[in-house]
Amino acid sequence: MRRTMAKASVHAAANLLFFATLATVVLASTYFLTRDSIAKSVEDEKLKLIAQVVPQELFDNAIVQDTVQVPASELLGTSDTTAAYVARLGSEASAVVLQPIAPDGYSGKIFLIVAIRSNGELSGVRVVSHRETPGLGDYIELPKSPWIKGFDGQSHEKRKEAAWKVKKDGGQFDYVAGATITPRAIVKAVHKSLLYFEQNRDQLLAANPQPAAAKEARK
């Protein structure tokens, strides 16, 4: 009787191990088969956003292949190396697209792309992804509101330090009542992106790009 029960237990354990192993193999196979397509989908979406913030007349190069490696940066809110996309006309850099993260959104991190012309003027800003409240904080998305286009053409020369806040905080950027945290986080992230650009302009716009420096503004 005991031998029969022992055999049954061993058999059940073997079956459990087999199916657990099979499930692991299936999940791993699915991941490896789909990761490239997922990555391509993300890059395709990013390319669409870049096309929105960098006008075609500003570049004639393959912008998504012309990159500068940007080290982790407190100003950009990044903890890993990211790519900065460089727009060029001929051999001259005309703009650069940074990928900052606003860490202090209402519901977590807000991933952005920020395009800055070589003269330090913002060409455009777009939200890549976020988890802000639908119907309230999601007005940062262009299809739902033109708010994000308020950054177009702005620069530190046009707006001084104190202006880079939402109006509720004494700055010059609009916001929707009841949803202040989200735009506040984005305005701060865009402002810091301009600071990063000014500190690393030469490296970002170099004819033969080298990794941008990791220097930061001292607080």
N, C-alpha and C. Protein backbone atom coordinates (compact mmCIF):
# COMPACT_ATOMS: atom_id res chain seq x y z
N MET A 1 0.83 -1.21 0.00
CA MET A 1 0.00 0.00 0.00
C MET A 1 0.87 1.26 0.00
N ARG A 2 1.88 1.20 0.92
CA ARG A 2 2.77 2.36 1.01
C ARG A 2 3.57 2.54 -0.28
N ARG A 3 4.00 1.38 -0.85
CA ARG A 3 4.75 1.47 -2.11
C ARG A 3 3.89 2.05 -3.22
N THR A 4 2.62 1.66 -3.24
CA THR A 4 1.70 2.17 -4.26
C THR A 4 1.52 3.68 -4.12
N MET A 5 1.35 4.13 -2.86
CA MET A 5 1.19 5.57 -2.60
C MET A 5 2.47 6.33 -2.96
N ALA A 6 3.61 5.71 -2.64
CA ALA A 6 4.89 6.36 -2.95
C ALA A 6 5.07 6.51 -4.45
N LYS A 7 4.73 5.43 -5.19
CA LYS A 7 4.83 5.49 -6.65
C LYS A 7 3.91 6.56 -7.22
N ALA A 8 2.69 6.64 -6.64
CA ALA A 8 1.73 7.64 -7.12
C ALA A 8 2.26 9.05 -6.87
N SER A 9 2.88 9.24 -5.70
CA SER A 9 3.43 10.56 -5.37
C SER A 9 4.57 10.93 -6.30
N VAL A 10 5.45 9.96 -6.56
CA VAL A 10 6.57 10.20 -7.48
C VAL A 10 6.05 10.51 -8.88
N HIS A 11 5.04 9.75 -9.30
CA HIS A 11 4.45 9.97 -10.62
C HIS A 11 3.83 11.36 -10.73
N ALA A 12 3.11 11.75 -9.68
CA ALA A 12 2.47 13.08 -9.67
C ALA A 12 3.52 14.18 -9.69
N ALA A 13 4.59 13.99 -8.90
CA ALA A 13 5.66 14.98 -8.85
C ALA A 13 6.35 15.10 -10.21
N ALA A 14 6.55 13.95 -10.86
CA ALA A 14 7.18 13.94 -12.18
C ALA A 14 6.32 14.68 -13.20
N ASN A 15 5.01 14.42 -13.14
CA ASN A 15 4.09 15.11 -14.04
C ASN A 15 4.10 16.62 -13.80
N LEU A 16 4.11 16.99 -12.52
CA LEU A 16 4.13 18.41 -12.17
C LEU A 16 5.39 19.08 -12.69
N LEU A 17 6.53 18.41 -12.51
CA LEU A 17 7.81 18.93 -12.98
C LEU A 17 7.81 19.06 -14.50
N PHE A 18 7.26 18.05 -15.17
CA PHE A 18 7.21 18.08 -16.63
C PHE A 18 6.41 19.27 -17.14
N PHE A 19 5.21 19.45 -16.59
CA PHE A 19 4.35 20.54 -17.07
C PHE A 19 4.90 21.92 -16.68
N ALA A 20 5.55 21.99 -15.52
CA ALA A 20 6.17 23.25 -15.12
C ALA A 20 7.31 23.61 -16.08
N THR A 21 8.11 22.59 -16.42
CA THR A 21 9.21 22.80 -17.37
C THR A 21 8.67 23.18 -18.74
N LEU A 22 7.61 22.49 -19.16
CA LEU A 22 7.00 22.78 -20.46
C LEU A 22 6.48 24.21 -20.51
N ALA A 23 5.82 24.64 -19.43
CA ALA A 23 5.29 26.00 -19.37
C ALA A 23 6.41 27.03 -19.44
N THR A 24 7.51 26.74 -18.74
CA THR A 24 8.66 27.65 -18.76
C THR A 24 9.24 27.76 -20.17
N VAL A 25 9.36 26.62 -20.84
CA VAL A 25 9.90 26.61 -22.21
C VAL A 25 8.99 27.39 -23.15
N VAL A 26 7.67 27.19 -23.01
CA VAL A 26 6.72 27.90 -23.87
C VAL A 26 6.80 29.40 -23.65
N LEU A 27 6.83 29.82 -22.37
CA LEU A 27 6.91 31.24 -22.06
C LEU A 27 8.21 31.85 -22.58
N ALA A 28 9.31 31.13 -22.38
CA ALA A 28 10.60 31.63 -22.86
C ALA A 28 10.62 31.73 -24.37
N SER A 29 10.07 30.72 -25.04
CA SER A 29 10.02 30.73 -26.50
C SER A 29 9.18 31.89 -27.01
N THR A 30 8.03 32.11 -26.35
CA THR A 30 7.16 33.22 -26.75
C THR A 30 7.87 34.55 -26.61
N TYR A 31 8.61 34.71 -25.51
CA TYR A 31 9.35 35.95 -25.28
C TYR A 31 10.38 36.18 -26.38
N PHE A 32 11.18 35.15 -26.65
CA PHE A 32 12.24 35.31 -27.65
C PHE A 32 11.68 35.51 -29.06
N LEU A 33 10.52 34.92 -29.33
CA LEU A 33 9.92 35.07 -30.65
C LEU A 33 9.27 36.44 -30.84
N THR A 34 8.81 37.04 -29.75
CA THR A 34 8.07 38.30 -29.87
C THR A 34 8.87 39.54 -29.48
N ARG A 35 10.00 39.38 -28.80
CA ARG A 35 10.70 40.56 -28.29
C ARG A 35 11.17 41.49 -29.41
N ASP A 36 11.62 40.90 -30.53
CA ASP A 36 12.08 41.74 -31.64
C ASP A 36 10.94 42.53 -32.25
N SER A 37 9.78 41.89 -32.40
CA SER A 37 8.63 42.59 -32.99
C SER A 37 8.12 43.67 -32.04
N ILE A 38 8.17 43.39 -30.73
CA ILE A 38 7.75 44.40 -29.75
C ILE A 38 8.70 45.59 -29.80
N ALA A 39 10.00 45.30 -29.83
CA ALA A 39 10.99 46.38 -29.89
C ALA A 39 10.82 47.20 -31.16
N LYS A 40 10.55 46.53 -32.28
CA LYS A 40 10.34 47.24 -33.55
C LYS A 40 9.10 48.11 -33.47
N SER A 41 8.05 47.61 -32.84
CA SER A 41 6.82 48.38 -32.69
C SER A 41 7.07 49.65 -31.89
N VAL A 42 7.86 49.52 -30.82
CA VAL A 42 8.19 50.68 -29.98
C VAL A 42 8.99 51.69 -30.79
N GLU A 43 9.97 51.20 -31.56
CA GLU A 43 10.80 52.09 -32.37
C GLU A 43 9.98 52.77 -33.46
N ASP A 44 9.05 52.03 -34.07
CA ASP A 44 8.20 52.61 -35.11
C ASP A 44 7.36 53.75 -34.53
N GLU A 45 6.82 53.52 -33.34
CA GLU A 45 6.00 54.54 -32.70
C GLU A 45 6.85 55.76 -32.35
N LYS A 46 8.07 55.50 -31.91
CA LYS A 46 8.97 56.60 -31.56
C LYS A 46 9.32 57.41 -32.80
N LEU A 47 9.52 56.72 -33.93
CA LEU A 47 9.83 57.40 -35.18
C LEU A 47 8.68 58.31 -35.60
N LYS A 48 7.45 57.85 -35.41
CA LYS A 48 6.28 58.67 -35.74
C LYS A 48 6.27 59.94 -34.90
N LEU A 49 6.61 59.81 -33.62
CA LEU A 49 6.63 60.97 -32.74
C LEU A 49 7.77 61.92 -33.11
N ILE A 50 8.93 61.35 -33.47
CA ILE A 50 10.05 62.19 -33.89
C ILE A 50 9.68 62.99 -35.12
N ALA A 51 8.95 62.37 -36.04
CA ALA A 51 8.52 63.07 -37.25
C ALA A 51 7.60 64.24 -36.91
N GLN A 52 6.91 64.17 -35.78
CA GLN A 52 6.02 65.25 -35.36
C GLN A 52 6.79 66.43 -34.77
N VAL A 53 7.94 66.16 -34.15
CA VAL A 53 8.66 67.23 -33.45
C VAL A 53 9.86 67.77 -34.23
N VAL A 54 10.28 67.06 -35.27
CA VAL A 54 11.39 67.54 -36.10
C VAL A 54 10.89 67.69 -37.53
N PRO A 55 10.65 68.92 -37.99
CA PRO A 55 10.14 69.13 -39.35
C PRO A 55 11.08 68.53 -40.40
N GLN A 56 10.51 68.03 -41.48
CA GLN A 56 11.29 67.39 -42.53
C GLN A 56 12.36 68.30 -43.10
N GLU A 57 12.09 69.60 -43.12
CA GLU A 57 13.07 70.53 -43.70
C GLU A 57 14.32 70.70 -42.83
N LEU A 58 14.30 70.13 -41.63
CA LEU A 58 15.45 70.25 -40.74
C LEU A 58 16.48 69.13 -40.92
N PHE A 59 16.14 68.08 -41.66
CA PHE A 59 17.11 66.99 -41.78
C PHE A 59 16.99 66.25 -43.11
N ASP A 60 18.12 65.69 -43.52
CA ASP A 60 18.15 64.83 -44.70
C ASP A 60 18.92 63.54 -44.41
N ASN A 61 19.14 63.28 -43.13
CA ASN A 61 19.84 62.05 -42.73
C ASN A 61 18.85 61.02 -42.19
N ALA A 62 19.34 59.81 -41.94
CA ALA A 62 18.52 58.77 -41.31
C ALA A 62 18.57 59.03 -39.81
N ILE A 63 17.66 59.84 -39.33
CA ILE A 63 17.74 60.39 -37.98
C ILE A 63 17.76 59.31 -36.89
N VAL A 64 17.01 58.23 -37.08
CA VAL A 64 16.97 57.21 -36.02
C VAL A 64 18.25 56.37 -35.97
N GLN A 65 19.10 56.51 -36.99
CA GLN A 65 20.37 55.79 -37.00
C GLN A 65 21.54 56.70 -36.63
N ASP A 66 21.28 58.00 -36.59
CA ASP A 66 22.32 58.98 -36.26
C ASP A 66 22.14 59.36 -34.79
N THR A 67 22.85 58.68 -33.92
CA THR A 67 22.60 58.85 -32.49
C THR A 67 23.87 59.18 -31.71
N VAL A 68 23.64 59.76 -30.55
CA VAL A 68 24.69 59.99 -29.56
C VAL A 68 24.26 59.26 -28.30
N GLN A 69 25.17 58.52 -27.70
CA GLN A 69 24.86 57.82 -26.46
C GLN A 69 24.92 58.79 -25.28
N VAL A 70 23.83 58.87 -24.56
CA VAL A 70 23.72 59.81 -23.44
C VAL A 70 23.74 59.02 -22.13
N PRO A 71 24.74 59.25 -21.29
CA PRO A 71 24.82 58.52 -20.02
C PRO A 71 23.63 58.85 -19.12
N ALA A 72 23.41 57.99 -18.12
CA ALA A 72 22.38 58.26 -17.12
C ALA A 72 22.55 59.68 -16.60
N SER A 73 21.44 60.39 -16.47
CA SER A 73 21.50 61.80 -16.13
C SER A 73 20.39 62.20 -15.17
N GLU A 74 20.76 62.90 -14.12
CA GLU A 74 19.76 63.41 -13.18
C GLU A 74 18.87 64.44 -13.87
N LEU A 75 19.46 65.26 -14.72
CA LEU A 75 18.68 66.27 -15.42
C LEU A 75 17.64 65.64 -16.33
N LEU A 76 17.98 64.53 -16.95
CA LEU A 76 17.04 63.86 -17.86
C LEU A 76 16.17 62.84 -17.14
N GLY A 77 16.43 62.61 -15.87
CA GLY A 77 15.63 61.65 -15.11
C GLY A 77 15.88 60.21 -15.50
N THR A 78 17.04 59.94 -16.09
CA THR A 78 17.34 58.60 -16.59
C THR A 78 18.35 57.89 -15.70
N SER A 79 18.20 56.59 -15.57
CA SER A 79 19.13 55.79 -14.77
C SER A 79 20.00 54.89 -15.65
N ASP A 80 19.72 54.87 -16.94
CA ASP A 80 20.51 54.08 -17.90
C ASP A 80 20.88 54.96 -19.09
N THR A 81 21.81 54.47 -19.89
CA THR A 81 22.19 55.18 -21.11
C THR A 81 21.02 55.20 -22.08
N THR A 82 20.79 56.36 -22.69
CA THR A 82 19.75 56.49 -23.71
C THR A 82 20.36 57.05 -24.98
N ALA A 83 19.60 57.00 -26.06
CA ALA A 83 20.08 57.53 -27.34
C ALA A 83 19.48 58.91 -27.58
N ALA A 84 20.31 59.83 -28.04
CA ALA A 84 19.84 61.12 -28.51
C ALA A 84 19.89 61.06 -30.04
N TYR A 85 18.79 61.39 -30.70
CA TYR A 85 18.71 61.32 -32.16
C TYR A 85 19.08 62.68 -32.74
N VAL A 86 20.00 62.67 -33.70
CA VAL A 86 20.51 63.92 -34.26
C VAL A 86 19.98 64.15 -35.67
N ALA A 87 19.38 65.31 -35.88
CA ALA A 87 18.91 65.71 -37.21
C ALA A 87 20.00 66.54 -37.87
N ARG A 88 20.30 66.23 -39.13
CA ARG A 88 21.35 66.94 -39.85
C ARG A 88 20.89 67.35 -41.24
N LEU A 89 21.37 68.49 -41.68
CA LEU A 89 21.24 68.94 -43.06
C LEU A 89 22.64 68.95 -43.63
N GLY A 90 22.91 68.04 -44.55
CA GLY A 90 24.28 67.88 -45.00
C GLY A 90 25.09 67.33 -43.84
N SER A 91 26.15 68.02 -43.49
CA SER A 91 26.98 67.57 -42.36
C SER A 91 26.71 68.38 -41.10
N GLU A 92 25.80 69.35 -41.19
CA GLU A 92 25.52 70.23 -40.06
C GLU A 92 24.36 69.73 -39.23
N ALA A 93 24.57 69.59 -37.92
CA ALA A 93 23.49 69.20 -37.02
C ALA A 93 22.51 70.36 -36.86
N SER A 94 21.24 70.08 -37.05
CA SER A 94 20.22 71.13 -36.97
C SER A 94 19.34 71.00 -35.74
N ALA A 95 19.28 69.79 -35.17
CA ALA A 95 18.45 69.56 -33.98
C ALA A 95 18.84 68.24 -33.35
N VAL A 96 18.43 68.08 -32.11
CA VAL A 96 18.67 66.83 -31.40
C VAL A 96 17.40 66.46 -30.63
N VAL A 97 17.12 65.17 -30.57
CA VAL A 97 15.94 64.69 -29.85
C VAL A 97 16.40 63.90 -28.62
N LEU A 98 16.08 64.42 -27.45
CA LEU A 98 16.42 63.76 -26.19
C LEU A 98 15.24 62.93 -25.70
N GLN A 99 15.52 61.99 -24.80
CA GLN A 99 14.48 61.11 -24.26
C GLN A 99 14.42 61.20 -22.74
N PRO A 100 13.98 62.32 -22.21
CA PRO A 100 13.92 62.47 -20.75
C PRO A 100 12.74 61.72 -20.14
N ILE A 101 12.80 61.56 -18.84
CA ILE A 101 11.71 60.95 -18.08
C ILE A 101 11.31 61.90 -16.96
N ALA A 102 10.04 62.24 -16.91
CA ALA A 102 9.52 63.02 -15.78
C ALA A 102 9.17 62.01 -14.69
N PRO A 103 9.92 61.97 -13.59
CA PRO A 103 9.72 60.92 -12.59
C PRO A 103 8.54 61.16 -11.65
N ASP A 104 8.01 62.37 -11.67
CA ASP A 104 7.04 62.77 -10.65
C ASP A 104 5.65 63.07 -11.20
N GLY A 105 5.21 62.25 -12.16
CA GLY A 105 3.84 62.37 -12.63
C GLY A 105 2.88 61.92 -11.54
N TYR A 106 1.61 62.17 -11.72
CA TYR A 106 0.61 61.81 -10.71
C TYR A 106 0.57 60.30 -10.48
N SER A 107 0.72 59.54 -11.56
CA SER A 107 0.63 58.08 -11.45
C SER A 107 1.94 57.39 -11.80
N GLY A 108 3.04 58.12 -11.71
CA GLY A 108 4.33 57.50 -12.00
C GLY A 108 5.11 58.25 -13.07
N LYS A 109 6.04 57.55 -13.68
CA LYS A 109 6.94 58.16 -14.66
C LYS A 109 6.21 58.51 -15.96
N ILE A 110 6.63 59.64 -16.55
CA ILE A 110 6.11 60.06 -17.85
C ILE A 110 7.31 60.10 -18.80
N PHE A 111 7.25 59.29 -19.85
CA PHE A 111 8.36 59.20 -20.81
C PHE A 111 8.11 60.18 -21.95
N LEU A 112 9.13 60.98 -22.27
CA LEU A 112 8.99 62.05 -23.25
C LEU A 112 10.05 61.96 -24.34
N ILE A 113 9.80 62.64 -25.44
CA ILE A 113 10.85 63.02 -26.37
C ILE A 113 10.81 64.53 -26.49
N VAL A 114 11.99 65.14 -26.45
CA VAL A 114 12.12 66.59 -26.50
C VAL A 114 13.08 66.95 -27.62
N ALA A 115 12.58 67.64 -28.64
CA ALA A 115 13.40 68.04 -29.78
C ALA A 115 13.85 69.48 -29.59
N ILE A 116 15.17 69.69 -29.70
CA ILE A 116 15.75 71.02 -29.50
C ILE A 116 16.58 71.38 -30.72
N ARG A 117 16.29 72.54 -31.29
CA ARG A 117 17.06 73.01 -32.44
C ARG A 117 18.46 73.41 -32.00
N SER A 118 19.36 73.51 -32.95
CA SER A 118 20.75 73.83 -32.63
C SER A 118 20.91 75.19 -31.97
N ASN A 119 19.92 76.07 -32.15
CA ASN A 119 19.99 77.40 -31.52
C ASN A 119 19.41 77.40 -30.10
N GLY A 120 19.04 76.22 -29.59
CA GLY A 120 18.52 76.12 -28.23
C GLY A 120 17.03 76.31 -28.12
N GLU A 121 16.35 76.39 -29.24
CA GLU A 121 14.89 76.57 -29.24
C GLU A 121 14.20 75.21 -29.36
N LEU A 122 13.13 75.04 -28.60
CA LEU A 122 12.38 73.79 -28.66
C LEU A 122 11.65 73.65 -29.99
N SER A 123 11.87 72.52 -30.64
CA SER A 123 11.15 72.23 -31.87
C SER A 123 9.83 71.54 -31.57
N GLY A 124 9.81 70.79 -30.47
CA GLY A 124 8.57 70.11 -30.09
C GLY A 124 8.79 69.14 -28.95
N VAL A 125 7.70 68.80 -28.28
CA VAL A 125 7.71 67.84 -27.17
C VAL A 125 6.54 66.89 -27.37
N ARG A 126 6.76 65.61 -27.11
CA ARG A 126 5.67 64.64 -27.17
C ARG A 126 5.81 63.65 -26.02
N VAL A 127 4.67 63.11 -25.60
CA VAL A 127 4.63 62.08 -24.57
C VAL A 127 4.70 60.71 -25.25
N VAL A 128 5.66 59.91 -24.87
CA VAL A 128 5.81 58.56 -25.42
C VAL A 128 4.90 57.58 -24.69
N SER A 129 4.91 57.65 -23.37
CA SER A 129 4.03 56.79 -22.58
C SER A 129 3.83 57.38 -21.19
N HIS A 130 2.70 57.03 -20.58
CA HIS A 130 2.39 57.53 -19.23
C HIS A 130 1.27 56.68 -18.65
N ARG A 131 0.99 56.91 -17.36
CA ARG A 131 -0.10 56.21 -16.68
C ARG A 131 -0.99 57.21 -15.94
N GLU A 132 -1.08 58.42 -16.48
CA GLU A 132 -1.89 59.44 -15.83
C GLU A 132 -3.38 59.11 -15.95
N THR A 133 -4.18 59.74 -15.11
CA THR A 133 -5.60 59.44 -15.01
C THR A 133 -6.34 59.73 -16.32
N PRO A 134 -6.99 58.73 -16.92
CA PRO A 134 -7.77 58.96 -18.14
C PRO A 134 -8.86 60.00 -17.91
N GLY A 135 -8.99 60.91 -18.87
CA GLY A 135 -10.03 61.92 -18.77
C GLY A 135 -9.66 63.11 -17.91
N LEU A 136 -8.48 63.07 -17.28
CA LEU A 136 -8.06 64.19 -16.44
C LEU A 136 -6.61 64.57 -16.76
N GLY A 137 -5.67 63.70 -16.39
CA GLY A 137 -4.27 64.00 -16.63
C GLY A 137 -3.79 63.66 -18.02
N ASP A 138 -4.62 62.97 -18.80
CA ASP A 138 -4.16 62.54 -20.12
C ASP A 138 -4.28 63.63 -21.19
N TYR A 139 -4.60 64.86 -20.78
CA TYR A 139 -4.64 65.95 -21.77
C TYR A 139 -3.24 66.32 -22.26
N ILE A 140 -2.24 65.67 -21.70
CA ILE A 140 -0.86 65.87 -22.18
C ILE A 140 -0.64 65.18 -23.53
N GLU A 141 -1.58 64.33 -23.94
CA GLU A 141 -1.49 63.67 -25.24
C GLU A 141 -2.04 64.59 -26.32
N LEU A 142 -1.30 64.73 -27.41
CA LEU A 142 -1.70 65.65 -28.47
C LEU A 142 -3.07 65.37 -29.06
N PRO A 143 -3.45 64.13 -29.31
CA PRO A 143 -4.78 63.91 -29.90
C PRO A 143 -5.91 64.40 -29.00
N LYS A 144 -5.65 64.47 -27.70
CA LYS A 144 -6.71 64.84 -26.76
C LYS A 144 -6.68 66.32 -26.39
N SER A 145 -5.56 66.98 -26.62
CA SER A 145 -5.42 68.39 -26.27
C SER A 145 -4.19 68.96 -26.96
N PRO A 146 -4.21 70.25 -27.34
CA PRO A 146 -3.03 70.88 -27.93
C PRO A 146 -2.04 71.38 -26.88
N TRP A 147 -2.29 71.07 -25.61
CA TRP A 147 -1.46 71.61 -24.52
C TRP A 147 0.03 71.40 -24.75
N ILE A 148 0.43 70.22 -25.18
CA ILE A 148 1.85 69.88 -25.33
C ILE A 148 2.54 70.77 -26.36
N LYS A 149 1.77 71.35 -27.28
CA LYS A 149 2.35 72.21 -28.32
C LYS A 149 2.72 73.59 -27.77
N GLY A 150 2.36 73.84 -26.51
CA GLY A 150 2.73 75.11 -25.89
C GLY A 150 4.23 75.26 -25.70
N PHE A 151 4.97 74.17 -25.84
CA PHE A 151 6.43 74.23 -25.72
C PHE A 151 7.10 74.63 -27.03
N ASP A 152 6.39 74.51 -28.14
CA ASP A 152 6.98 74.78 -29.46
C ASP A 152 7.57 76.19 -29.51
N GLY A 153 8.82 76.28 -29.94
CA GLY A 153 9.45 77.58 -30.12
C GLY A 153 9.97 78.23 -28.85
N GLN A 154 9.78 77.59 -27.70
CA GLN A 154 10.24 78.18 -26.45
C GLN A 154 11.73 77.91 -26.24
N SER A 155 12.36 78.74 -25.44
CA SER A 155 13.78 78.59 -25.12
C SER A 155 14.07 79.35 -23.84
N HIS A 156 15.28 79.21 -23.34
CA HIS A 156 15.66 79.95 -22.15
C HIS A 156 15.81 81.44 -22.44
N GLU A 157 16.07 81.77 -23.69
CA GLU A 157 16.16 83.19 -24.04
C GLU A 157 14.79 83.84 -24.03
N LYS A 158 13.77 83.08 -24.42
CA LYS A 158 12.41 83.62 -24.48
C LYS A 158 11.70 83.56 -23.14
N ARG A 159 12.03 82.54 -22.34
CA ARG A 159 11.39 82.40 -21.03
C ARG A 159 12.48 82.19 -19.98
N LYS A 160 12.53 83.08 -19.04
CA LYS A 160 13.55 83.01 -18.00
C LYS A 160 13.23 81.88 -17.02
N GLU A 161 14.17 81.65 -16.12
CA GLU A 161 14.09 80.54 -15.17
C GLU A 161 12.75 80.47 -14.44
N ALA A 162 12.30 81.59 -13.91
CA ALA A 162 11.07 81.62 -13.11
C ALA A 162 9.82 81.29 -13.91
N ALA A 163 9.90 81.42 -15.23
CA ALA A 163 8.72 81.19 -16.08
C ALA A 163 8.47 79.71 -16.32
N TRP A 164 9.45 78.87 -16.05
CA TRP A 164 9.32 77.43 -16.35
C TRP A 164 8.61 76.69 -15.24
N LYS A 165 7.38 77.12 -15.02
CA LYS A 165 6.48 76.50 -14.05
C LYS A 165 5.07 76.67 -14.57
N VAL A 166 4.13 75.91 -14.02
CA VAL A 166 2.73 76.14 -14.38
C VAL A 166 2.28 77.43 -13.72
N LYS A 167 1.23 78.03 -14.25
CA LYS A 167 0.77 79.32 -13.75
C LYS A 167 0.40 79.29 -12.28
N LYS A 168 -0.09 78.16 -11.81
CA LYS A 168 -0.45 78.03 -10.40
C LYS A 168 0.75 78.23 -9.50
N ASP A 169 1.94 77.90 -10.00
CA ASP A 169 3.18 78.03 -9.23
C ASP A 169 3.92 79.33 -9.54
N GLY A 170 3.27 80.23 -10.29
CA GLY A 170 3.89 81.50 -10.62
C GLY A 170 4.61 81.52 -11.95
N GLY A 171 4.48 80.46 -12.73
CA GLY A 171 5.12 80.39 -14.03
C GLY A 171 4.21 80.84 -15.15
N GLN A 172 4.53 80.42 -16.38
CA GLN A 172 3.79 80.89 -17.56
C GLN A 172 3.13 79.77 -18.36
N PHE A 173 3.12 78.56 -17.83
CA PHE A 173 2.53 77.45 -18.58
C PHE A 173 1.14 77.12 -18.05
N ASP A 174 0.21 76.94 -18.99
CA ASP A 174 -1.17 76.63 -18.63
C ASP A 174 -1.28 75.24 -18.01
N TYR A 175 -2.39 75.02 -17.35
CA TYR A 175 -2.70 73.71 -16.79
C TYR A 175 -4.21 73.59 -16.67
N VAL A 176 -4.68 72.38 -16.49
CA VAL A 176 -6.10 72.13 -16.31
C VAL A 176 -6.38 72.03 -14.82
N ALA A 177 -7.37 72.77 -14.34
CA ALA A 177 -7.71 72.75 -12.92
C ALA A 177 -8.02 71.32 -12.47
N GLY A 178 -7.44 70.94 -11.35
CA GLY A 178 -7.65 69.60 -10.84
C GLY A 178 -6.63 68.60 -11.33
N ALA A 179 -5.78 69.03 -12.24
CA ALA A 179 -4.74 68.13 -12.78
C ALA A 179 -3.44 68.92 -12.93
N THR A 180 -2.92 69.37 -11.81
CA THR A 180 -1.73 70.22 -11.82
C THR A 180 -0.43 69.41 -11.79
N ILE A 181 -0.45 68.28 -11.12
CA ILE A 181 0.78 67.50 -10.93
C ILE A 181 1.38 67.05 -12.26
N THR A 182 0.53 66.61 -13.16
CA THR A 182 1.01 66.10 -14.45
C THR A 182 1.74 67.17 -15.27
N PRO A 183 1.12 68.33 -15.55
CA PRO A 183 1.84 69.34 -16.32
C PRO A 183 3.04 69.90 -15.59
N ARG A 184 2.95 69.98 -14.27
CA ARG A 184 4.09 70.46 -13.48
C ARG A 184 5.31 69.57 -13.72
N ALA A 185 5.08 68.26 -13.72
CA ALA A 185 6.17 67.30 -13.94
C ALA A 185 6.77 67.44 -15.33
N ILE A 186 5.92 67.65 -16.33
CA ILE A 186 6.41 67.76 -17.70
C ILE A 186 7.16 69.07 -17.92
N VAL A 187 6.63 70.16 -17.41
CA VAL A 187 7.32 71.46 -17.56
C VAL A 187 8.72 71.37 -16.94
N LYS A 188 8.80 70.76 -15.77
CA LYS A 188 10.09 70.62 -15.10
C LYS A 188 11.04 69.76 -15.93
N ALA A 189 10.54 68.66 -16.50
CA ALA A 189 11.38 67.76 -17.29
C ALA A 189 11.87 68.43 -18.57
N VAL A 190 11.01 69.21 -19.20
CA VAL A 190 11.40 69.91 -20.43
C VAL A 190 12.44 70.98 -20.12
N HIS A 191 12.22 71.71 -19.03
CA HIS A 191 13.18 72.73 -18.60
C HIS A 191 14.55 72.11 -18.35
N LYS A 192 14.58 70.98 -17.65
CA LYS A 192 15.84 70.31 -17.36
C LYS A 192 16.49 69.77 -18.64
N SER A 193 15.67 69.39 -19.61
CA SER A 193 16.22 68.93 -20.89
C SER A 193 16.96 70.06 -21.60
N LEU A 194 16.40 71.26 -21.52
CA LEU A 194 17.08 72.42 -22.10
C LEU A 194 18.40 72.69 -21.38
N LEU A 195 18.40 72.55 -20.06
CA LEU A 195 19.64 72.72 -19.30
C LEU A 195 20.67 71.68 -19.73
N TYR A 196 20.23 70.44 -19.90
CA TYR A 196 21.15 69.39 -20.32
C TYR A 196 21.72 69.71 -21.70
N PHE A 197 20.87 70.15 -22.60
CA PHE A 197 21.33 70.50 -23.95
C PHE A 197 22.38 71.60 -23.89
N GLU A 198 22.13 72.63 -23.09
CA GLU A 198 23.07 73.74 -23.01
C GLU A 198 24.42 73.30 -22.45
N GLN A 199 24.39 72.36 -21.52
CA GLN A 199 25.64 71.88 -20.92
C GLN A 199 26.41 70.94 -21.86
N ASN A 200 25.70 70.29 -22.76
CA ASN A 200 26.32 69.26 -23.62
C ASN A 200 26.13 69.54 -25.11
N ARG A 201 25.90 70.79 -25.45
CA ARG A 201 25.61 71.17 -26.84
C ARG A 201 26.67 70.65 -27.82
N ASP A 202 27.94 70.88 -27.50
CA ASP A 202 29.02 70.52 -28.42
C ASP A 202 29.05 69.02 -28.70
N GLN A 203 28.90 68.22 -27.65
CA GLN A 203 28.93 66.77 -27.84
C GLN A 203 27.70 66.28 -28.61
N LEU A 204 26.54 66.85 -28.30
CA LEU A 204 25.30 66.40 -28.93
C LEU A 204 25.25 66.76 -30.41
N LEU A 205 25.85 67.88 -30.78
CA LEU A 205 25.77 68.36 -32.16
C LEU A 205 27.06 68.14 -32.94
N ALA A 206 27.97 67.34 -32.40
CA ALA A 206 29.26 67.13 -33.05
C ALA A 206 29.10 66.44 -34.40
N ALA A 207 30.02 66.77 -35.33
CA ALA A 207 30.00 66.12 -36.64
C ALA A 207 30.31 64.64 -36.51
N ASN A 208 31.26 64.31 -35.62
CA ASN A 208 31.58 62.92 -35.32
C ASN A 208 31.21 62.69 -33.86
N PRO A 209 29.95 62.31 -33.61
CA PRO A 209 29.44 62.26 -32.25
C PRO A 209 30.21 61.34 -31.31
N GLN A 210 30.45 61.86 -30.11
CA GLN A 210 31.02 61.10 -29.01
C GLN A 210 29.98 61.05 -27.90
N PRO A 211 30.09 60.11 -26.96
CA PRO A 211 29.13 60.07 -25.85
C PRO A 211 29.07 61.41 -25.14
N ALA A 212 27.85 61.88 -24.87
CA ALA A 212 27.68 63.15 -24.18
C ALA A 212 28.22 63.03 -22.77
N ALA A 213 28.71 64.14 -22.25
CA ALA A 213 29.28 64.14 -20.90
C ALA A 213 28.21 63.91 -19.86
N ALA A 214 28.64 63.47 -18.70
CA ALA A 214 27.69 63.19 -17.63
C ALA A 214 27.63 64.32 -16.62
N LYS A 215 28.11 65.51 -16.98
CA LYS A 215 28.08 66.62 -16.03
C LYS A 215 26.65 67.07 -15.78
N GLU A 216 26.41 67.54 -14.58
CA GLU A 216 25.07 67.94 -14.17
C GLU A 216 25.12 69.32 -13.54
N ALA A 217 23.97 69.98 -13.57
CA ALA A 217 23.85 71.26 -12.88
C ALA A 217 23.89 71.00 -11.38
N ARG A 218 24.60 71.80 -10.66
CA ARG A 218 24.68 71.66 -9.21
C ARG A 218 23.48 72.32 -8.58
N LYS A 219 22.82 71.61 -7.70
CA LYS A 219 21.64 72.14 -7.02
C LYS A 219 22.05 72.68 -5.66
